[in-house]
Amino acid sequence: MSIDYTPGPLLDAARNTPTALWNDSADPDELRQSISFGGVGATCNPTIAYTCINQRKDVWLPASPSSPRRCPRPPSPRSAGRSCAR
């Protein structure tokens, strides 16, 4: 994924101060925009996650009930952020 940075006060703060911008969302488009402003990551609560999943089922849910996501083994800290194979 390539990010084009957006000039402005948030990016300036992220680059020139110890400020760390975290986005409070699980929406991929919002996260992409936050990273362009200098964001370093995301955090969200169960309500935000539930709302995002319902709004972006095409991203977060399997394509069909006949192709559920399966993880061959429990996720490890190294695999954080990666999705399981379909």
PDB file of N, CA and C in Angstrom:
ATOM      1  N   MET A   1       0.854  -1.164   0.000  1.00  0.00           N
ATOM      2  CA  MET A   1       0.000   0.000   0.000  1.00  0.00           C
ATOM      3  C   MET A   1       0.901   1.227   0.000  1.00  0.00           C
ATOM      4  N   SER A   2       0.630   2.132  -0.894  1.00  0.00           N
ATOM      5  CA  SER A   2       1.382   3.376  -0.993  1.00  0.00           C
ATOM      6  C   SER A   2       0.546   4.519  -0.430  1.00  0.00           C
ATOM      7  N   ILE A   3       1.174   5.353   0.382  1.00  0.00           N
ATOM      8  CA  ILE A   3       0.478   6.486   0.992  1.00  0.00           C
ATOM      9  C   ILE A   3       1.106   7.778   0.494  1.00  0.00           C
ATOM     10  N   ASP A   4       0.281   8.676  -0.016  1.00  0.00           N
ATOM     11  CA  ASP A   4       0.721  10.023  -0.355  1.00  0.00           C
ATOM     12  C   ASP A   4       0.421  10.904   0.851  1.00  0.00           C
ATOM     13  N   TYR A   5       1.460  11.506   1.433  1.00  0.00           N
ATOM     14  CA  TYR A   5       1.272  12.326   2.624  1.00  0.00           C
ATOM     15  C   TYR A   5       0.602  13.644   2.282  1.00  0.00           C
ATOM     16  N   THR A   6      -0.265  14.101   3.180  1.00  0.00           N
ATOM     17  CA  THR A   6      -1.018  15.337   3.008  1.00  0.00           C
ATOM     18  C   THR A   6      -0.388  16.428   3.874  1.00  0.00           C
ATOM     19  N   PRO A   7       0.192  17.453   3.246  1.00  0.00           N
ATOM     20  CA  PRO A   7       0.797  18.529   4.036  1.00  0.00           C
ATOM     21  C   PRO A   7      -0.236  19.209   4.937  1.00  0.00           C
ATOM     22  N   GLY A   8       0.204  19.626   6.109  1.00  0.00           N
ATOM     23  CA  GLY A   8      -0.679  20.329   7.024  1.00  0.00           C
ATOM     24  C   GLY A   8      -0.164  20.233   8.441  1.00  0.00           C
ATOM     25  N   PRO A   9      -0.905  20.804   9.389  1.00  0.00           N
ATOM     26  CA  PRO A   9      -0.437  20.849  10.777  1.00  0.00           C
ATOM     27  C   PRO A   9      -0.299  19.474  11.434  1.00  0.00           C
ATOM     28  N   LEU A  10      -1.155  18.531  11.089  1.00  0.00           N
ATOM     29  CA  LEU A  10      -1.041  17.200  11.696  1.00  0.00           C
ATOM     30  C   LEU A  10       0.229  16.497  11.242  1.00  0.00           C
ATOM     31  N   LEU A  11       0.518  16.567   9.954  1.00  0.00           N
ATOM     32  CA  LEU A  11       1.736  15.946   9.437  1.00  0.00           C
ATOM     33  C   LEU A  11       2.964  16.648  10.018  1.00  0.00           C
ATOM     34  N   ASP A  12       2.933  17.980  10.101  1.00  0.00           N
ATOM     35  CA  ASP A  12       4.042  18.729  10.695  1.00  0.00           C
ATOM     36  C   ASP A  12       4.281  18.296  12.143  1.00  0.00           C
ATOM     37  N   ALA A  13       3.201  18.183  12.912  1.00  0.00           N
ATOM     38  CA  ALA A  13       3.327  17.768  14.317  1.00  0.00           C
ATOM     39  C   ALA A  13       3.881  16.348  14.416  1.00  0.00           C
ATOM     40  N   ALA A  14       3.400  15.456  13.560  1.00  0.00           N
ATOM     41  CA  ALA A  14       3.857  14.066  13.594  1.00  0.00           C
ATOM     42  C   ALA A  14       5.336  13.956  13.245  1.00  0.00           C
ATOM     43  N   ARG A  15       5.799  14.802  12.334  1.00  0.00           N
ATOM     44  CA  ARG A  15       7.192  14.736  11.906  1.00  0.00           C
ATOM     45  C   ARG A  15       8.148  15.503  12.814  1.00  0.00           C
ATOM     46  N   ASN A  16       7.679  16.563  13.467  1.00  0.00           N
ATOM     47  CA  ASN A  16       8.589  17.466  14.171  1.00  0.00           C
ATOM     48  C   ASN A  16       8.442  17.490  15.686  1.00  0.00           C
ATOM     49  N   THR A  17       7.535  16.697  16.232  1.00  0.00           N
ATOM     50  CA  THR A  17       7.340  16.651  17.680  1.00  0.00           C
ATOM     51  C   THR A  17       7.173  15.189  18.099  1.00  0.00           C
ATOM     52  N   PRO A  18       7.177  14.921  19.394  1.00  0.00           N
ATOM     53  CA  PRO A  18       6.957  13.538  19.829  1.00  0.00           C
ATOM     54  C   PRO A  18       5.487  13.102  19.723  1.00  0.00           C
ATOM     55  N   THR A  19       4.670  13.893  19.052  1.00  0.00           N
ATOM     56  CA  THR A  19       3.253  13.581  18.890  1.00  0.00           C
ATOM     57  C   THR A  19       3.068  12.295  18.095  1.00  0.00           C
ATOM     58  N   ALA A  20       2.158  11.447  18.539  1.00  0.00           N
ATOM     59  CA  ALA A  20       1.779  10.238  17.801  1.00  0.00           C
ATOM     60  C   ALA A  20       0.280  10.310  17.549  1.00  0.00           C
ATOM     61  N   LEU A  21      -0.108  10.380  16.301  1.00  0.00           N
ATOM     62  CA  LEU A  21      -1.509  10.460  15.918  1.00  0.00           C
ATOM     63  C   LEU A  21      -2.056   9.050  15.718  1.00  0.00           C
ATOM     64  N   TRP A  22      -3.051   8.695  16.528  1.00  0.00           N
ATOM     65  CA  TRP A  22      -3.729   7.411  16.411  1.00  0.00           C
ATOM     66  C   TRP A  22      -5.153   7.671  15.953  1.00  0.00           C
ATOM     67  N   ASN A  23      -5.606   6.925  14.995  1.00  0.00           N
ATOM     68  CA  ASN A  23      -6.953   7.072  14.466  1.00  0.00           C
ATOM     69  C   ASN A  23      -7.900   6.165  15.249  1.00  0.00           C
ATOM     70  N   ASP A  24      -9.032   6.692  15.680  1.00  0.00           N
ATOM     71  CA  ASP A  24     -10.003   5.920  16.450  1.00  0.00           C
ATOM     72  C   ASP A  24     -11.079   5.381  15.518  1.00  0.00           C
ATOM     73  N   SER A  25     -10.674   4.466  14.643  1.00  0.00           N
ATOM     74  CA  SER A  25     -11.602   3.898  13.672  1.00  0.00           C
ATOM     75  C   SER A  25     -11.041   2.593  13.122  1.00  0.00           C
ATOM     76  N   ALA A  26     -11.924   1.760  12.614  1.00  0.00           N
ATOM     77  CA  ALA A  26     -11.516   0.529  11.940  1.00  0.00           C
ATOM     78  C   ALA A  26     -11.834   0.605  10.452  1.00  0.00           C
ATOM     79  N   ASP A  27     -12.235   1.767   9.969  1.00  0.00           N
ATOM     80  CA  ASP A  27     -12.571   1.926   8.555  1.00  0.00           C
ATOM     81  C   ASP A  27     -11.290   2.085   7.742  1.00  0.00           C
ATOM     82  N   PRO A  28     -11.065   1.229   6.745  1.00  0.00           N
ATOM     83  CA  PRO A  28      -9.827   1.297   5.962  1.00  0.00           C
ATOM     84  C   PRO A  28      -9.604   2.655   5.287  1.00  0.00           C
ATOM     85  N   ASP A  29     -10.654   3.287   4.796  1.00  0.00           N
ATOM     86  CA  ASP A  29     -10.495   4.592   4.144  1.00  0.00           C
ATOM     87  C   ASP A  29     -10.103   5.674   5.145  1.00  0.00           C
ATOM     88  N   GLU A  30     -10.723   5.647   6.316  1.00  0.00           N
ATOM     89  CA  GLU A  30     -10.366   6.622   7.353  1.00  0.00           C
ATOM     90  C   GLU A  30      -8.940   6.393   7.845  1.00  0.00           C
ATOM     91  N   LEU A  31      -8.546   5.134   7.978  1.00  0.00           N
ATOM     92  CA  LEU A  31      -7.187   4.833   8.405  1.00  0.00           C
ATOM     93  C   LEU A  31      -6.178   5.297   7.355  1.00  0.00           C
ATOM     94  N   ARG A  32      -6.471   5.056   6.099  1.00  0.00           N
ATOM     95  CA  ARG A  32      -5.587   5.502   5.017  1.00  0.00           C
ATOM     96  C   ARG A  32      -5.414   7.024   5.062  1.00  0.00           C
ATOM     97  N   GLN A  33      -6.505   7.745   5.279  1.00  0.00           N
ATOM     98  CA  GLN A  33      -6.430   9.200   5.353  1.00  0.00           C
ATOM     99  C   GLN A  33      -5.629   9.636   6.580  1.00  0.00           C
ATOM    100  N   SER A  34      -5.843   8.980   7.710  1.00  0.00           N
ATOM    101  CA  SER A  34      -5.105   9.317   8.921  1.00  0.00           C
ATOM    102  C   SER A  34      -3.602   9.117   8.720  1.00  0.00           C
ATOM    103  N   ILE A  35      -3.218   8.029   8.067  1.00  0.00           N
ATOM    104  CA  ILE A  35      -1.803   7.787   7.795  1.00  0.00           C
ATOM    105  C   ILE A  35      -1.241   8.879   6.893  1.00  0.00           C
ATOM    106  N   SER A  36      -2.048   9.360   5.952  1.00  0.00           N
ATOM    107  CA  SER A  36      -1.568  10.429   5.064  1.00  0.00           C
ATOM    108  C   SER A  36      -1.315  11.721   5.837  1.00  0.00           C
ATOM    109  N   PHE A  37      -1.976  11.881   6.995  1.00  0.00           N
ATOM    110  CA  PHE A  37      -1.769  13.056   7.846  1.00  0.00           C
ATOM    111  C   PHE A  37      -0.643  12.822   8.853  1.00  0.00           C
ATOM    112  N   GLY A  38      -0.011  11.657   8.814  1.00  0.00           N
ATOM    113  CA  GLY A  38       1.073  11.346   9.739  1.00  0.00           C
ATOM    114  C   GLY A  38       0.692  10.371  10.830  1.00  0.00           C
ATOM    115  N   GLY A  39      -0.499   9.785  10.746  1.00  0.00           N
ATOM    116  CA  GLY A  39      -0.946   8.822  11.746  1.00  0.00           C
ATOM    117  C   GLY A  39      -0.060   7.593  11.770  1.00  0.00           C
ATOM    118  N   VAL A  40       0.047   6.993  12.944  1.00  0.00           N
ATOM    119  CA  VAL A  40       0.920   5.830  13.110  1.00  0.00           C
ATOM    120  C   VAL A  40       0.160   4.531  13.354  1.00  0.00           C
ATOM    121  N   GLY A  41      -1.135   4.609  13.603  1.00  0.00           N
ATOM    122  CA  GLY A  41      -1.886   3.400  13.867  1.00  0.00           C
ATOM    123  C   GLY A  41      -3.335   3.690  14.159  1.00  0.00           C
ATOM    124  N   ALA A  42      -4.033   2.659  14.619  1.00  0.00           N
ATOM    125  CA  ALA A  42      -5.458   2.800  14.887  1.00  0.00           C
ATOM    126  C   ALA A  42      -5.819   2.071  16.171  1.00  0.00           C
ATOM    127  N   THR A  43      -6.853   2.557  16.772  1.00  0.00           N
ATOM    128  CA  THR A  43      -7.444   1.924  17.944  1.00  0.00           C
ATOM    129  C   THR A  43      -8.948   2.094  17.827  1.00  0.00           C
ATOM    130  N   CYS A  44      -9.702   1.167  18.346  1.00  0.00           N
ATOM    131  CA  CYS A  44     -11.154   1.355  18.331  1.00  0.00           C
ATOM    132  C   CYS A  44     -11.776   0.524  19.432  1.00  0.00           C
ATOM    133  N   ASN A  45     -13.004   0.873  19.764  1.00  0.00           N
ATOM    134  CA  ASN A  45     -13.730   0.126  20.786  1.00  0.00           C
ATOM    135  C   ASN A  45     -14.733  -0.804  20.097  1.00  0.00           C
ATOM    136  N   PRO A  46     -15.366  -1.691  20.832  1.00  0.00           N
ATOM    137  CA  PRO A  46     -16.290  -2.643  20.211  1.00  0.00           C
ATOM    138  C   PRO A  46     -17.429  -1.989  19.426  1.00  0.00           C
ATOM    139  N   THR A  47     -17.954  -0.873  19.903  1.00  0.00           N
ATOM    140  CA  THR A  47     -19.045  -0.205  19.190  1.00  0.00           C
ATOM    141  C   THR A  47     -18.569   0.316  17.844  1.00  0.00           C
ATOM    142  N   ILE A  48     -17.391   0.957  17.818  1.00  0.00           N
ATOM    143  CA  ILE A  48     -16.836   1.455  16.554  1.00  0.00           C
ATOM    144  C   ILE A  48     -16.545   0.291  15.610  1.00  0.00           C
ATOM    145  N   ALA A  49     -15.952  -0.781  16.133  1.00  0.00           N
ATOM    146  CA  ALA A  49     -15.643  -1.942  15.295  1.00  0.00           C
ATOM    147  C   ALA A  49     -16.915  -2.547  14.704  1.00  0.00           C
ATOM    148  N   TYR A  50     -17.945  -2.721  15.523  1.00  0.00           N
ATOM    149  CA  TYR A  50     -19.213  -3.293  15.054  1.00  0.00           C
ATOM    150  C   TYR A  50     -19.825  -2.428  13.957  1.00  0.00           C
ATOM    151  N   THR A  51     -19.822  -1.117  14.170  1.00  0.00           N
ATOM    152  CA  THR A  51     -20.378  -0.193  13.170  1.00  0.00           C
ATOM    153  C   THR A  51     -19.607  -0.291  11.866  1.00  0.00           C
ATOM    154  N   CYS A  52     -18.295  -0.302  11.952  1.00  0.00           N
ATOM    155  CA  CYS A  52     -17.460  -0.376  10.751  1.00  0.00           C
ATOM    156  C   CYS A  52     -17.682  -1.689  10.004  1.00  0.00           C
ATOM    157  N   ILE A  53     -17.735  -2.789  10.730  1.00  0.00           N
ATOM    158  CA  ILE A  53     -17.965  -4.092  10.085  1.00  0.00           C
ATOM    159  C   ILE A  53     -19.296  -4.083   9.351  1.00  0.00           C
ATOM    160  N   ASN A  54     -20.341  -3.551   9.980  1.00  0.00           N
ATOM    161  CA  ASN A  54     -21.650  -3.510   9.325  1.00  0.00           C
ATOM    162  C   ASN A  54     -21.669  -2.590   8.109  1.00  0.00           C
ATOM    163  N   GLN A  55     -20.882  -1.508   8.143  1.00  0.00           N
ATOM    164  CA  GLN A  55     -20.858  -0.578   7.014  1.00  0.00           C
ATOM    165  C   GLN A  55     -19.966  -1.066   5.882  1.00  0.00           C
ATOM    166  N   ARG A  56     -18.976  -1.900   6.179  1.00  0.00           N
ATOM    167  CA  ARG A  56     -18.011  -2.345   5.168  1.00  0.00           C
ATOM    168  C   ARG A  56     -17.920  -3.867   5.140  1.00  0.00           C
ATOM    169  N   LYS A  57     -19.063  -4.541   5.028  1.00  0.00           N
ATOM    170  CA  LYS A  57     -19.074  -6.004   5.024  1.00  0.00           C
ATOM    171  C   LYS A  57     -18.237  -6.580   3.891  1.00  0.00           C
ATOM    172  N   ASP A  58     -18.129  -5.831   2.794  1.00  0.00           N
ATOM    173  CA  ASP A  58     -17.328  -6.293   1.663  1.00  0.00           C
ATOM    174  C   ASP A  58     -15.851  -6.423   2.031  1.00  0.00           C
ATOM    175  N   VAL A  59     -15.406  -5.673   3.010  1.00  0.00           N
ATOM    176  CA  VAL A  59     -14.003  -5.707   3.434  1.00  0.00           C
ATOM    177  C   VAL A  59     -13.784  -6.698   4.566  1.00  0.00           C
ATOM    178  N   TRP A  60     -14.695  -6.710   5.543  1.00  0.00           N
ATOM    179  CA  TRP A  60     -14.453  -7.429   6.782  1.00  0.00           C
ATOM    180  C   TRP A  60     -15.056  -8.823   6.868  1.00  0.00           C
ATOM    181  N   LEU A  61     -16.004  -9.166   6.005  1.00  0.00           N
ATOM    182  CA  LEU A  61     -16.637 -10.486   6.097  1.00  0.00           C
ATOM    183  C   LEU A  61     -16.269 -11.351   4.904  1.00  0.00           C
ATOM    184  N   PRO A  62     -16.379 -12.678   5.055  1.00  0.00           N
ATOM    185  CA  PRO A  62     -16.109 -13.568   3.921  1.00  0.00           C
ATOM    186  C   PRO A  62     -17.038 -13.263   2.750  1.00  0.00           C
ATOM    187  N   ALA A  63     -16.609 -13.628   1.569  1.00  0.00           N
ATOM    188  CA  ALA A  63     -17.374 -13.352   0.358  1.00  0.00           C
ATOM    189  C   ALA A  63     -18.722 -14.069   0.359  1.00  0.00           C
ATOM    190  N   SER A  64     -18.778 -15.277   0.878  1.00  0.00           N
ATOM    191  CA  SER A  64     -20.038 -16.019   0.942  1.00  0.00           C
ATOM    192  C   SER A  64     -19.955 -17.027   2.066  1.00  0.00           C
ATOM    193  N   PRO A  65     -21.110 -17.528   2.517  1.00  0.00           N
ATOM    194  CA  PRO A  65     -21.088 -18.522   3.598  1.00  0.00           C
ATOM    195  C   PRO A  65     -20.343 -19.796   3.209  1.00  0.00           C
ATOM    196  N   SER A  66     -20.242 -20.074   1.918  1.00  0.00           N
ATOM    197  CA  SER A  66     -19.554 -21.288   1.493  1.00  0.00           C
ATOM    198  C   SER A  66     -18.039 -21.120   1.476  1.00  0.00           C
ATOM    199  N   SER A  67     -17.543 -19.898   1.711  1.00  0.00           N
ATOM    200  CA  SER A  67     -16.089 -19.692   1.742  1.00  0.00           C
ATOM    201  C   SER A  67     -15.685 -18.980   3.032  1.00  0.00           C
ATOM    202  N   PRO A  68     -15.891 -19.649   4.179  1.00  0.00           N
ATOM    203  CA  PRO A  68     -15.538 -19.001   5.442  1.00  0.00           C
ATOM    204  C   PRO A  68     -14.028 -18.830   5.570  1.00  0.00           C
ATOM    205  N   ARG A  69     -13.635 -17.826   6.329  1.00  0.00           N
ATOM    206  CA  ARG A  69     -12.205 -17.648   6.595  1.00  0.00           C
ATOM    207  C   ARG A  69     -11.767 -18.720   7.576  1.00  0.00           C
ATOM    208  N   ARG A  70     -10.615 -19.281   7.304  1.00  0.00           N
ATOM    209  CA  ARG A  70     -10.081 -20.302   8.198  1.00  0.00           C
ATOM    210  C   ARG A  70      -8.629 -19.959   8.505  1.00  0.00           C
ATOM    211  N   CYS A  71      -8.268 -20.035   9.754  1.00  0.00           N
ATOM    212  CA  CYS A  71      -6.876 -19.866  10.142  1.00  0.00           C
ATOM    213  C   CYS A  71      -6.318 -21.259  10.404  1.00  0.00           C
ATOM    214  N   PRO A  72      -5.201 -21.611   9.766  1.00  0.00           N
ATOM    215  CA  PRO A  72      -4.647 -22.946   9.975  1.00  0.00           C
ATOM    216  C   PRO A  72      -4.156 -23.152  11.402  1.00  0.00           C
ATOM    217  N   ARG A  73      -3.805 -22.095  12.090  1.00  0.00           N
ATOM    218  CA  ARG A  73      -3.376 -22.161  13.486  1.00  0.00           C
ATOM    219  C   ARG A  73      -3.742 -20.838  14.155  1.00  0.00           C
ATOM    220  N   PRO A  74      -3.728 -20.791  15.465  1.00  0.00           N
ATOM    221  CA  PRO A  74      -4.071 -19.538  16.140  1.00  0.00           C
ATOM    222  C   PRO A  74      -3.133 -18.412  15.713  1.00  0.00           C
ATOM    223  N   PRO A  75      -3.650 -17.182  15.589  1.00  0.00           N
ATOM    224  CA  PRO A  75      -2.798 -16.073  15.194  1.00  0.00           C
ATOM    225  C   PRO A  75      -1.709 -15.816  16.230  1.00  0.00           C
ATOM    226  N   SER A  76      -0.561 -15.393  15.755  1.00  0.00           N
ATOM    227  CA  SER A  76       0.545 -15.051  16.634  1.00  0.00           C
ATOM    228  C   SER A  76       0.748 -13.544  16.603  1.00  0.00           C
ATOM    229  N   PRO A  77       1.522 -13.002  17.534  1.00  0.00           N
ATOM    230  CA  PRO A  77       1.790 -11.558  17.484  1.00  0.00           C
ATOM    231  C   PRO A  77       2.416 -11.121  16.156  1.00  0.00           C
ATOM    232  N   ARG A  78       3.163 -12.010  15.517  1.00  0.00           N
ATOM    233  CA  ARG A  78       3.772 -11.673  14.224  1.00  0.00           C
ATOM    234  C   ARG A  78       2.733 -11.523  13.115  1.00  0.00           C
ATOM    235  N   SER A  79       1.596 -12.188  13.275  1.00  0.00           N
ATOM    236  CA  SER A  79       0.578 -12.131  12.216  1.00  0.00           C
ATOM    237  C   SER A  79      -0.478 -11.081  12.496  1.00  0.00           C
ATOM    238  N   ALA A  80      -0.296 -10.257  13.520  1.00  0.00           N
ATOM    239  CA  ALA A  80      -1.270  -9.228  13.858  1.00  0.00           C
ATOM    240  C   ALA A  80      -1.530  -8.326  12.655  1.00  0.00           C
ATOM    241  N   GLY A  81      -2.787  -8.090  12.371  1.00  0.00           N
ATOM    242  CA  GLY A  81      -3.150  -7.219  11.257  1.00  0.00           C
ATOM    243  C   GLY A  81      -3.319  -7.950   9.940  1.00  0.00           C
ATOM    244  N   ARG A  82      -2.898  -9.200   9.872  1.00  0.00           N
ATOM    245  CA  ARG A  82      -3.076  -9.970   8.645  1.00  0.00           C
ATOM    246  C   ARG A  82      -4.355 -10.774   8.741  1.00  0.00           C
ATOM    247  N   SER A  83      -5.038 -10.936   7.641  1.00  0.00           N
ATOM    248  CA  SER A  83      -6.270 -11.709   7.672  1.00  0.00           C
ATOM    249  C   SER A  83      -5.980 -13.162   7.354  1.00  0.00           C
ATOM    250  N   CYS A  84      -6.883 -14.029   7.781  1.00  0.00           N
ATOM    251  CA  CYS A  84      -6.744 -15.458   7.526  1.00  0.00           C
ATOM    252  C   CYS A  84      -7.051 -15.773   6.080  1.00  0.00           C
ATOM    253  N   ALA A  85      -6.589 -16.915   5.621  1.00  0.00           N
ATOM    254  CA  ALA A  85      -6.870 -17.354   4.245  1.00  0.00           C
ATOM    255  C   ALA A  85      -8.323 -17.746   4.118  1.00  0.00           C
ATOM    256  N   ARG A  86      -8.877 -17.576   2.941  1.00  0.00           N
ATOM    257  CA  ARG A  86     -10.257 -18.001   2.685  1.00  0.00           C
ATOM    258  C   ARG A  86     -10.276 -19.451   2.324  1.00  0.00           C
TER     259      ARG A  86
END
